[in-house]
Amino acid sequence: MIHRCMNAGVLENGKFVETKIGVPQGGNLSPLLSNIMLNELDKELESSGHKFVKYADDCMILCKSKRAVQRTLTHIIPFIEDKLYLKVNKEKTVVAHVKDVKFGGYGFYTNRGKGLLRVHPKGITKMKEKIKELTCRSNGWGNERRKEVLRQYITGWVNYFRLANMKDLLMVIDKWYHRRLRMLIWKQWKRIKTRFHNLMKLGISQFQAMMFSNTRKGYWHTAKSPILSTSISNDSL
């Protein structure tokens, strides 16, 4: 089974590509085999008294000073390459302050001498791009399927980052997300007549519904309007 998984190959831009060296990235076996191959690295770091965190082949070693960093690099890189016969990615090997580090999508910061977790800005950008993709009207999904896929993705994302301090972040993202959904709904009501009747059903007066359904403002601008925010409330969303 291990042999077949390692030789299964990968899809790149819809085309099959053989994997002649290493484990296919993102494969189910990748984290497990990485932990097996790097077991000796764990023991070496522990015996040296280093504080470190590792997931699969991604490792972060914590040092108290730049001098300690250089000593660690001088010792650990030859250990990985000469004793474990593995190749260190020099481009991804960086020395940085903990506040500038990203690990597993998490960022780090200190407050009153205590280390805390946050969602790294790149993780936020990636999440918003994914939601944009899932709320795209051109993917041919019905509202029920889109609702289910969004629920699964958002629940998974929040659970993954549950260790981070992100209450304020989620409040900001929530406003953006609601506006994104309103824009999607407004796009679905593409005809003036449809917009007029739906606004009337949602309790908007006839005059306001007529005026608003004929607006020439862009979708994103319209999604923030008081009329759409009132008729398509957060509770209904």
C-alpha atoms as a PDB file:
ATOM      1  CA  MET A   1       0.000   0.000   0.000  1.00  0.00           C
ATOM      2  CA  ILE A   2       2.859   2.406   0.851  1.00  0.00           C
ATOM      3  CA  HIS A   3       4.586   1.536  -2.435  1.00  0.00           C
ATOM      4  CA  ARG A   4       1.407   2.196  -4.445  1.00  0.00           C
ATOM      5  CA  CYS A   5       0.718   5.513  -2.686  1.00  0.00           C
ATOM      6  CA  MET A   6       4.263   6.753  -3.312  1.00  0.00           C
ATOM      7  CA  ASN A   7       4.016   5.875  -7.005  1.00  0.00           C
ATOM      8  CA  ALA A   8       0.465   7.092  -7.541  1.00  0.00           C
ATOM      9  CA  GLY A   9       1.585  10.333  -9.214  1.00  0.00           C
ATOM     10  CA  VAL A  10      -0.100  13.726  -9.103  1.00  0.00           C
ATOM     11  CA  LEU A  11      -2.295  15.942 -11.285  1.00  0.00           C
ATOM     12  CA  GLU A  12      -0.784  19.242 -12.455  1.00  0.00           C
ATOM     13  CA  ASN A  13      -3.184  21.483 -14.402  1.00  0.00           C
ATOM     14  CA  GLY A  14      -5.344  18.447 -15.111  1.00  0.00           C
ATOM     15  CA  LYS A  15      -2.462  16.325 -16.457  1.00  0.00           C
ATOM     16  CA  PHE A  16      -0.977  13.234 -14.832  1.00  0.00           C
ATOM     17  CA  VAL A  17       2.663  13.546 -13.697  1.00  0.00           C
ATOM     18  CA  GLU A  18       4.739  10.689 -12.280  1.00  0.00           C
ATOM     19  CA  THR A  19       6.437  11.086  -8.897  1.00  0.00           C
ATOM     20  CA  LYS A  20       9.886   9.552  -9.268  1.00  0.00           C
ATOM     21  CA  ILE A  21      11.381  11.097  -6.118  1.00  0.00           C
ATOM     22  CA  GLY A  22       9.805  11.660  -2.717  1.00  0.00           C
ATOM     23  CA  VAL A  23       6.164  11.572  -1.649  1.00  0.00           C
ATOM     24  CA  PRO A  24       3.391  13.370  -3.581  1.00  0.00           C
ATOM     25  CA  GLN A  25       2.736  16.656  -1.808  1.00  0.00           C
ATOM     26  CA  GLY A  26      -0.635  16.664  -0.086  1.00  0.00           C
ATOM     27  CA  GLY A  27      -0.838  12.879  -0.105  1.00  0.00           C
ATOM     28  CA  ASN A  28      -2.273  11.026   2.885  1.00  0.00           C
ATOM     29  CA  LEU A  29       1.050   9.347   3.615  1.00  0.00           C
ATOM     30  CA  SER A  30       3.145  12.511   3.484  1.00  0.00           C
ATOM     31  CA  PRO A  31       2.845  13.568   7.175  1.00  0.00           C
ATOM     32  CA  LEU A  32       3.261   9.998   8.429  1.00  0.00           C
ATOM     33  CA  LEU A  33       6.374   9.218   6.372  1.00  0.00           C
ATOM     34  CA  SER A  34       7.861  12.621   7.222  1.00  0.00           C
ATOM     35  CA  ASN A  35       7.487  11.900  10.921  1.00  0.00           C
ATOM     36  CA  ILE A  36       9.185   8.518  10.442  1.00  0.00           C
ATOM     37  CA  MET A  37      12.064   9.966   8.413  1.00  0.00           C
ATOM     38  CA  LEU A  38      12.575  12.878  10.832  1.00  0.00           C
ATOM     39  CA  ASN A  39      12.259  10.897  14.051  1.00  0.00           C
ATOM     40  CA  GLU A  40      16.023  11.127  14.594  1.00  0.00           C
ATOM     41  CA  LEU A  41      15.839  14.904  14.075  1.00  0.00           C
ATOM     42  CA  ASP A  42      13.325  15.132  16.934  1.00  0.00           C
ATOM     43  CA  LYS A  43      15.672  13.217  19.214  1.00  0.00           C
ATOM     44  CA  GLU A  44      18.651  15.363  18.182  1.00  0.00           C
ATOM     45  CA  LEU A  45      16.788  18.605  18.899  1.00  0.00           C
ATOM     46  CA  GLU A  46      15.507  17.309  22.233  1.00  0.00           C
ATOM     47  CA  SER A  47      18.970  16.149  23.318  1.00  0.00           C
ATOM     48  CA  SER A  48      20.347  19.611  22.458  1.00  0.00           C
ATOM     49  CA  GLY A  49      17.695  21.277  24.623  1.00  0.00           C
ATOM     50  CA  HIS A  50      16.007  23.118  21.734  1.00  0.00           C
ATOM     51  CA  LYS A  51      12.411  24.283  21.819  1.00  0.00           C
ATOM     52  CA  PHE A  52      10.830  23.357  18.486  1.00  0.00           C
ATOM     53  CA  VAL A  53       7.563  22.560  16.738  1.00  0.00           C
ATOM     54  CA  LYS A  54       7.247  20.283  13.731  1.00  0.00           C
ATOM     55  CA  TYR A  55       4.491  19.126  11.429  1.00  0.00           C
ATOM     56  CA  ALA A  56       5.423  16.641   8.700  1.00  0.00           C
ATOM     57  CA  ASP A  57       8.518  18.128   6.992  1.00  0.00           C
ATOM     58  CA  ASP A  58       7.969  21.675   8.279  1.00  0.00           C
ATOM     59  CA  CYS A  59       9.966  22.559  11.375  1.00  0.00           C
ATOM     60  CA  MET A  60      10.394  25.720  13.433  1.00  0.00           C
ATOM     61  CA  ILE A  61      13.228  25.941  15.996  1.00  0.00           C
ATOM     62  CA  LEU A  62      13.040  28.647  18.646  1.00  0.00           C
ATOM     63  CA  CYS A  63      16.245  30.375  19.777  1.00  0.00           C
ATOM     64  CA  LYS A  64      16.895  33.210  22.215  1.00  0.00           C
ATOM     65  CA  SER A  65      19.427  35.154  20.115  1.00  0.00           C
ATOM     66  CA  LYS A  66      20.848  35.502  16.601  1.00  0.00           C
ATOM     67  CA  ARG A  67      24.083  33.931  17.769  1.00  0.00           C
ATOM     68  CA  ALA A  68      22.146  30.899  19.004  1.00  0.00           C
ATOM     69  CA  VAL A  69      20.403  30.724  15.643  1.00  0.00           C
ATOM     70  CA  GLN A  70      23.682  30.544  13.754  1.00  0.00           C
ATOM     71  CA  ARG A  71      25.005  27.847  16.077  1.00  0.00           C
ATOM     72  CA  THR A  72      21.829  25.828  15.566  1.00  0.00           C
ATOM     73  CA  LEU A  73      21.927  26.139  11.774  1.00  0.00           C
ATOM     74  CA  THR A  74      25.589  25.174  11.684  1.00  0.00           C
ATOM     75  CA  HIS A  75      24.781  22.007  13.619  1.00  0.00           C
ATOM     76  CA  ILE A  76      21.331  20.963  12.392  1.00  0.00           C
ATOM     77  CA  ILE A  77      21.645  21.390   8.606  1.00  0.00           C
ATOM     78  CA  PRO A  78      24.684  19.051   8.309  1.00  0.00           C
ATOM     79  CA  PHE A  79      22.868  16.582  10.587  1.00  0.00           C
ATOM     80  CA  ILE A  80      19.838  16.505   8.261  1.00  0.00           C
ATOM     81  CA  GLU A  81      21.822  16.326   5.030  1.00  0.00           C
ATOM     82  CA  ASP A  82      24.823  14.175   6.040  1.00  0.00           C
ATOM     83  CA  LYS A  83      23.266  11.780   8.560  1.00  0.00           C
ATOM     84  CA  LEU A  84      19.638  11.568   7.453  1.00  0.00           C
ATOM     85  CA  TYR A  85      20.454  11.992   3.722  1.00  0.00           C
ATOM     86  CA  LEU A  86      17.663  14.514   3.255  1.00  0.00           C
ATOM     87  CA  LYS A  87      17.821  17.803   1.383  1.00  0.00           C
ATOM     88  CA  VAL A  88      17.125  21.057   3.229  1.00  0.00           C
ATOM     89  CA  ASN A  89      15.198  23.652   1.212  1.00  0.00           C
ATOM     90  CA  LYS A  90      17.564  26.633   1.571  1.00  0.00           C
ATOM     91  CA  GLU A  91      15.049  29.035  -0.009  1.00  0.00           C
ATOM     92  CA  LYS A  92      12.417  28.279   2.634  1.00  0.00           C
ATOM     93  CA  THR A  93      14.924  28.182   5.498  1.00  0.00           C
ATOM     94  CA  VAL A  94      14.676  31.634   7.077  1.00  0.00           C
ATOM     95  CA  VAL A  95      15.796  33.341  10.263  1.00  0.00           C
ATOM     96  CA  ALA A  96      13.186  35.758  11.590  1.00  0.00           C
ATOM     97  CA  HIS A  97      11.616  37.205  14.696  1.00  0.00           C
ATOM     98  CA  VAL A  98       8.705  35.144  15.929  1.00  0.00           C
ATOM     99  CA  LYS A  99       6.197  37.886  14.982  1.00  0.00           C
ATOM    100  CA  ASP A 100       7.259  37.548  11.324  1.00  0.00           C
ATOM    101  CA  VAL A 101       6.978  33.756  11.199  1.00  0.00           C
ATOM    102  CA  LYS A 102       4.140  31.726   9.669  1.00  0.00           C
ATOM    103  CA  PHE A 103       3.684  28.097  10.667  1.00  0.00           C
ATOM    104  CA  GLY A 104       0.717  26.001   9.589  1.00  0.00           C
ATOM    105  CA  GLY A 105      -1.207  29.164   8.728  1.00  0.00           C
ATOM    106  CA  TYR A 106      -0.720  30.569  12.248  1.00  0.00           C
ATOM    107  CA  GLY A 107       1.106  33.760  13.118  1.00  0.00           C
ATOM    108  CA  PHE A 108       2.613  34.648  16.482  1.00  0.00           C
ATOM    109  CA  TYR A 109       2.868  37.716  18.697  1.00  0.00           C
ATOM    110  CA  THR A 110       3.761  38.582  22.268  1.00  0.00           C
ATOM    111  CA  ASN A 111       1.710  40.480  24.819  1.00  0.00           C
ATOM    112  CA  ARG A 112       3.046  41.268  28.303  1.00  0.00           C
ATOM    113  CA  GLY A 113       5.759  38.688  27.833  1.00  0.00           C
ATOM    114  CA  LYS A 114       3.348  35.934  26.824  1.00  0.00           C
ATOM    115  CA  GLY A 115       3.419  34.237  23.411  1.00  0.00           C
ATOM    116  CA  LEU A 116       0.036  34.196  21.665  1.00  0.00           C
ATOM    117  CA  LEU A 117      -1.396  32.864  18.408  1.00  0.00           C
ATOM    118  CA  ARG A 118      -3.138  34.702  15.599  1.00  0.00           C
ATOM    119  CA  VAL A 119      -4.220  33.930  12.049  1.00  0.00           C
ATOM    120  CA  HIS A 120      -1.417  34.917   9.697  1.00  0.00           C
ATOM    121  CA  PRO A 121      -2.393  37.603   7.122  1.00  0.00           C
ATOM    122  CA  LYS A 122      -1.627  35.184   4.276  1.00  0.00           C
ATOM    123  CA  GLY A 123      -4.099  32.744   5.814  1.00  0.00           C
ATOM    124  CA  ILE A 124      -6.786  35.454   5.893  1.00  0.00           C
ATOM    125  CA  THR A 125      -6.131  36.352   2.255  1.00  0.00           C
ATOM    126  CA  LYS A 126      -6.318  32.699   1.219  1.00  0.00           C
ATOM    127  CA  MET A 127      -9.590  32.238   3.123  1.00  0.00           C
ATOM    128  CA  LYS A 128     -11.203  35.283   1.471  1.00  0.00           C
ATOM    129  CA  GLU A 129     -10.094  34.095  -1.963  1.00  0.00           C
ATOM    130  CA  LYS A 130     -11.681  30.710  -1.277  1.00  0.00           C
ATOM    131  CA  ILE A 131     -14.964  32.301  -0.177  1.00  0.00           C
ATOM    132  CA  LYS A 132     -14.935  34.445  -3.330  1.00  0.00           C
ATOM    133  CA  GLU A 133     -14.534  31.259  -5.339  1.00  0.00           C
ATOM    134  CA  LEU A 134     -17.390  29.524  -3.508  1.00  0.00           C
ATOM    135  CA  THR A 135     -19.715  32.523  -3.881  1.00  0.00           C
ATOM    136  CA  CYS A 136     -19.008  32.970  -7.576  1.00  0.00           C
ATOM    137  CA  ARG A 137     -22.278  32.911  -9.532  1.00  0.00           C
ATOM    138  CA  SER A 138     -20.663  31.359 -12.619  1.00  0.00           C
ATOM    139  CA  ASN A 139     -19.871  27.990 -11.000  1.00  0.00           C
ATOM    140  CA  GLY A 140     -23.352  26.703 -11.815  1.00  0.00           C
ATOM    141  CA  TRP A 141     -24.279  25.748  -8.248  1.00  0.00           C
ATOM    142  CA  GLY A 142     -27.731  26.082  -6.763  1.00  0.00           C
ATOM    143  CA  ASN A 143     -28.189  27.975  -3.510  1.00  0.00           C
ATOM    144  CA  GLU A 144     -28.646  24.811  -1.454  1.00  0.00           C
ATOM    145  CA  ARG A 145     -25.390  23.281  -2.619  1.00  0.00           C
ATOM    146  CA  ARG A 146     -23.536  26.583  -2.220  1.00  0.00           C
ATOM    147  CA  LYS A 147     -24.907  26.976   1.318  1.00  0.00           C
ATOM    148  CA  GLU A 148     -23.730  23.491   2.285  1.00  0.00           C
ATOM    149  CA  VAL A 149     -20.236  23.932   0.774  1.00  0.00           C
ATOM    150  CA  LEU A 150     -19.825  27.318   2.476  1.00  0.00           C
ATOM    151  CA  ARG A 151     -20.967  25.883   5.806  1.00  0.00           C
ATOM    152  CA  GLN A 152     -18.446  23.046   5.560  1.00  0.00           C
ATOM    153  CA  TYR A 153     -15.556  25.310   4.567  1.00  0.00           C
ATOM    154  CA  ILE A 154     -16.205  28.021   7.174  1.00  0.00           C
ATOM    155  CA  THR A 155     -16.754  25.481   9.970  1.00  0.00           C
ATOM    156  CA  GLY A 156     -13.510  23.723   9.058  1.00  0.00           C
ATOM    157  CA  TRP A 157     -11.569  27.003   8.831  1.00  0.00           C
ATOM    158  CA  VAL A 158     -12.802  28.278  12.202  1.00  0.00           C
ATOM    159  CA  ASN A 159     -12.091  24.936  13.884  1.00  0.00           C
ATOM    160  CA  TYR A 160      -8.590  24.819  12.432  1.00  0.00           C
ATOM    161  CA  PHE A 161      -7.746  28.280  13.798  1.00  0.00           C
ATOM    162  CA  ARG A 162      -9.646  27.872  17.077  1.00  0.00           C
ATOM    163  CA  LEU A 163      -6.417  28.279  19.081  1.00  0.00           C
ATOM    164  CA  ALA A 164      -5.848  31.782  17.691  1.00  0.00           C
ATOM    165  CA  ASN A 165      -7.142  35.041  19.160  1.00  0.00           C
ATOM    166  CA  MET A 166      -9.480  36.086  16.366  1.00  0.00           C
ATOM    167  CA  LYS A 167     -12.701  37.448  17.859  1.00  0.00           C
ATOM    168  CA  ASP A 168     -12.195  40.947  16.382  1.00  0.00           C
ATOM    169  CA  LEU A 169     -11.028  39.434  13.087  1.00  0.00           C
ATOM    170  CA  LEU A 170     -14.148  37.283  12.774  1.00  0.00           C
ATOM    171  CA  MET A 171     -16.396  40.300  13.361  1.00  0.00           C
ATOM    172  CA  VAL A 172     -14.699  42.136  10.478  1.00  0.00           C
ATOM    173  CA  ILE A 173     -14.765  39.069   8.231  1.00  0.00           C
ATOM    174  CA  ASP A 174     -18.428  38.498   9.093  1.00  0.00           C
ATOM    175  CA  LYS A 175     -19.392  41.951   7.746  1.00  0.00           C
ATOM    176  CA  TRP A 176     -17.409  41.333   4.563  1.00  0.00           C
ATOM    177  CA  TYR A 177     -18.970  37.872   4.183  1.00  0.00           C
ATOM    178  CA  HIS A 178     -22.529  39.186   4.580  1.00  0.00           C
ATOM    179  CA  ARG A 179     -21.851  41.878   1.999  1.00  0.00           C
ATOM    180  CA  ARG A 180     -20.456  39.219  -0.342  1.00  0.00           C
ATOM    181  CA  LEU A 181     -23.638  37.140   0.035  1.00  0.00           C
ATOM    182  CA  ARG A 182     -25.863  40.170  -0.595  1.00  0.00           C
ATOM    183  CA  MET A 183     -23.911  40.917  -3.746  1.00  0.00           C
ATOM    184  CA  LEU A 184     -24.430  37.329  -4.910  1.00  0.00           C
ATOM    185  CA  ILE A 185     -28.186  37.527  -4.284  1.00  0.00           C
ATOM    186  CA  TRP A 186     -28.427  40.885  -6.060  1.00  0.00           C
ATOM    187  CA  LYS A 187     -26.652  39.375  -9.067  1.00  0.00           C
ATOM    188  CA  GLN A 188     -29.138  36.500  -9.086  1.00  0.00           C
ATOM    189  CA  TRP A 189     -31.982  39.040  -9.245  1.00  0.00           C
ATOM    190  CA  LYS A 190     -30.535  40.305 -12.499  1.00  0.00           C
ATOM    191  CA  ARG A 191     -33.783  41.645 -14.020  1.00  0.00           C
ATOM    192  CA  ILE A 192     -35.317  44.895 -12.782  1.00  0.00           C
ATOM    193  CA  LYS A 193     -38.743  43.280 -12.503  1.00  0.00           C
ATOM    194  CA  THR A 194     -37.336  40.420 -10.387  1.00  0.00           C
ATOM    195  CA  ARG A 195     -35.519  42.845  -8.083  1.00  0.00           C
ATOM    196  CA  PHE A 196     -38.663  44.936  -7.666  1.00  0.00           C
ATOM    197  CA  HIS A 197     -40.907  41.997  -6.729  1.00  0.00           C
ATOM    198  CA  ASN A 198     -38.351  40.449  -4.353  1.00  0.00           C
ATOM    199  CA  LEU A 199     -37.749  43.743  -2.555  1.00  0.00           C
ATOM    200  CA  MET A 200     -41.523  44.159  -2.162  1.00  0.00           C
ATOM    201  CA  LYS A 201     -41.750  40.629  -0.685  1.00  0.00           C
ATOM    202  CA  LEU A 202     -39.031  41.552   1.813  1.00  0.00           C
ATOM    203  CA  GLY A 203     -41.004  44.531   3.122  1.00  0.00           C
ATOM    204  CA  ILE A 204     -39.590  47.445   1.106  1.00  0.00           C
ATOM    205  CA  SER A 205     -42.141  50.073   0.067  1.00  0.00           C
ATOM    206  CA  GLN A 206     -43.275  50.168  -3.551  1.00  0.00           C
ATOM    207  CA  PHE A 207     -41.617  53.529  -4.227  1.00  0.00           C
ATOM    208  CA  GLN A 208     -38.274  52.509  -2.682  1.00  0.00           C
ATOM    209  CA  ALA A 209     -38.366  49.128  -4.411  1.00  0.00           C
ATOM    210  CA  MET A 210     -38.957  50.812  -7.782  1.00  0.00           C
ATOM    211  CA  MET A 211     -36.149  53.327  -7.259  1.00  0.00           C
ATOM    212  CA  PHE A 212     -33.666  50.786  -5.948  1.00  0.00           C
ATOM    213  CA  SER A 213     -34.366  48.092  -8.533  1.00  0.00           C
ATOM    214  CA  ASN A 214     -33.403  50.598 -11.244  1.00  0.00           C
ATOM    215  CA  THR A 215     -30.072  51.576  -9.665  1.00  0.00           C
ATOM    216  CA  ARG A 216     -27.028  51.643 -11.927  1.00  0.00           C
ATOM    217  CA  LYS A 217     -24.515  51.344  -9.127  1.00  0.00           C
ATOM    218  CA  GLY A 218     -22.144  48.372  -9.104  1.00  0.00           C
ATOM    219  CA  TYR A 219     -22.933  45.092  -7.379  1.00  0.00           C
ATOM    220  CA  TRP A 220     -20.394  45.532  -4.575  1.00  0.00           C
ATOM    221  CA  HIS A 221     -21.515  49.107  -3.869  1.00  0.00           C
ATOM    222  CA  THR A 222     -25.182  48.076  -3.890  1.00  0.00           C
ATOM    223  CA  ALA A 223     -24.524  45.224  -1.461  1.00  0.00           C
ATOM    224  CA  LYS A 224     -23.645  47.763   1.256  1.00  0.00           C
ATOM    225  CA  SER A 225     -26.726  49.918   0.749  1.00  0.00           C
ATOM    226  CA  PRO A 226     -29.148  50.417   3.690  1.00  0.00           C
ATOM    227  CA  ILE A 227     -32.099  49.048   1.701  1.00  0.00           C
ATOM    228  CA  LEU A 228     -30.381  45.741   0.858  1.00  0.00           C
ATOM    229  CA  SER A 229     -28.909  45.469   4.376  1.00  0.00           C
ATOM    230  CA  THR A 230     -32.417  45.914   5.821  1.00  0.00           C
ATOM    231  CA  SER A 231     -34.322  43.653   3.430  1.00  0.00           C
ATOM    232  CA  ILE A 232     -31.691  40.886   3.418  1.00  0.00           C
ATOM    233  CA  SER A 233     -30.852  41.014   7.116  1.00  0.00           C
ATOM    234  CA  ASN A 234     -28.024  39.196   8.848  1.00  0.00           C
ATOM    235  CA  ASP A 235     -30.558  36.924  10.546  1.00  0.00           C
ATOM    236  CA  SER A 236     -32.052  35.865   7.210  1.00  0.00           C
ATOM    237  CA  LEU A 237     -28.582  35.250   5.794  1.00  0.00           C
END
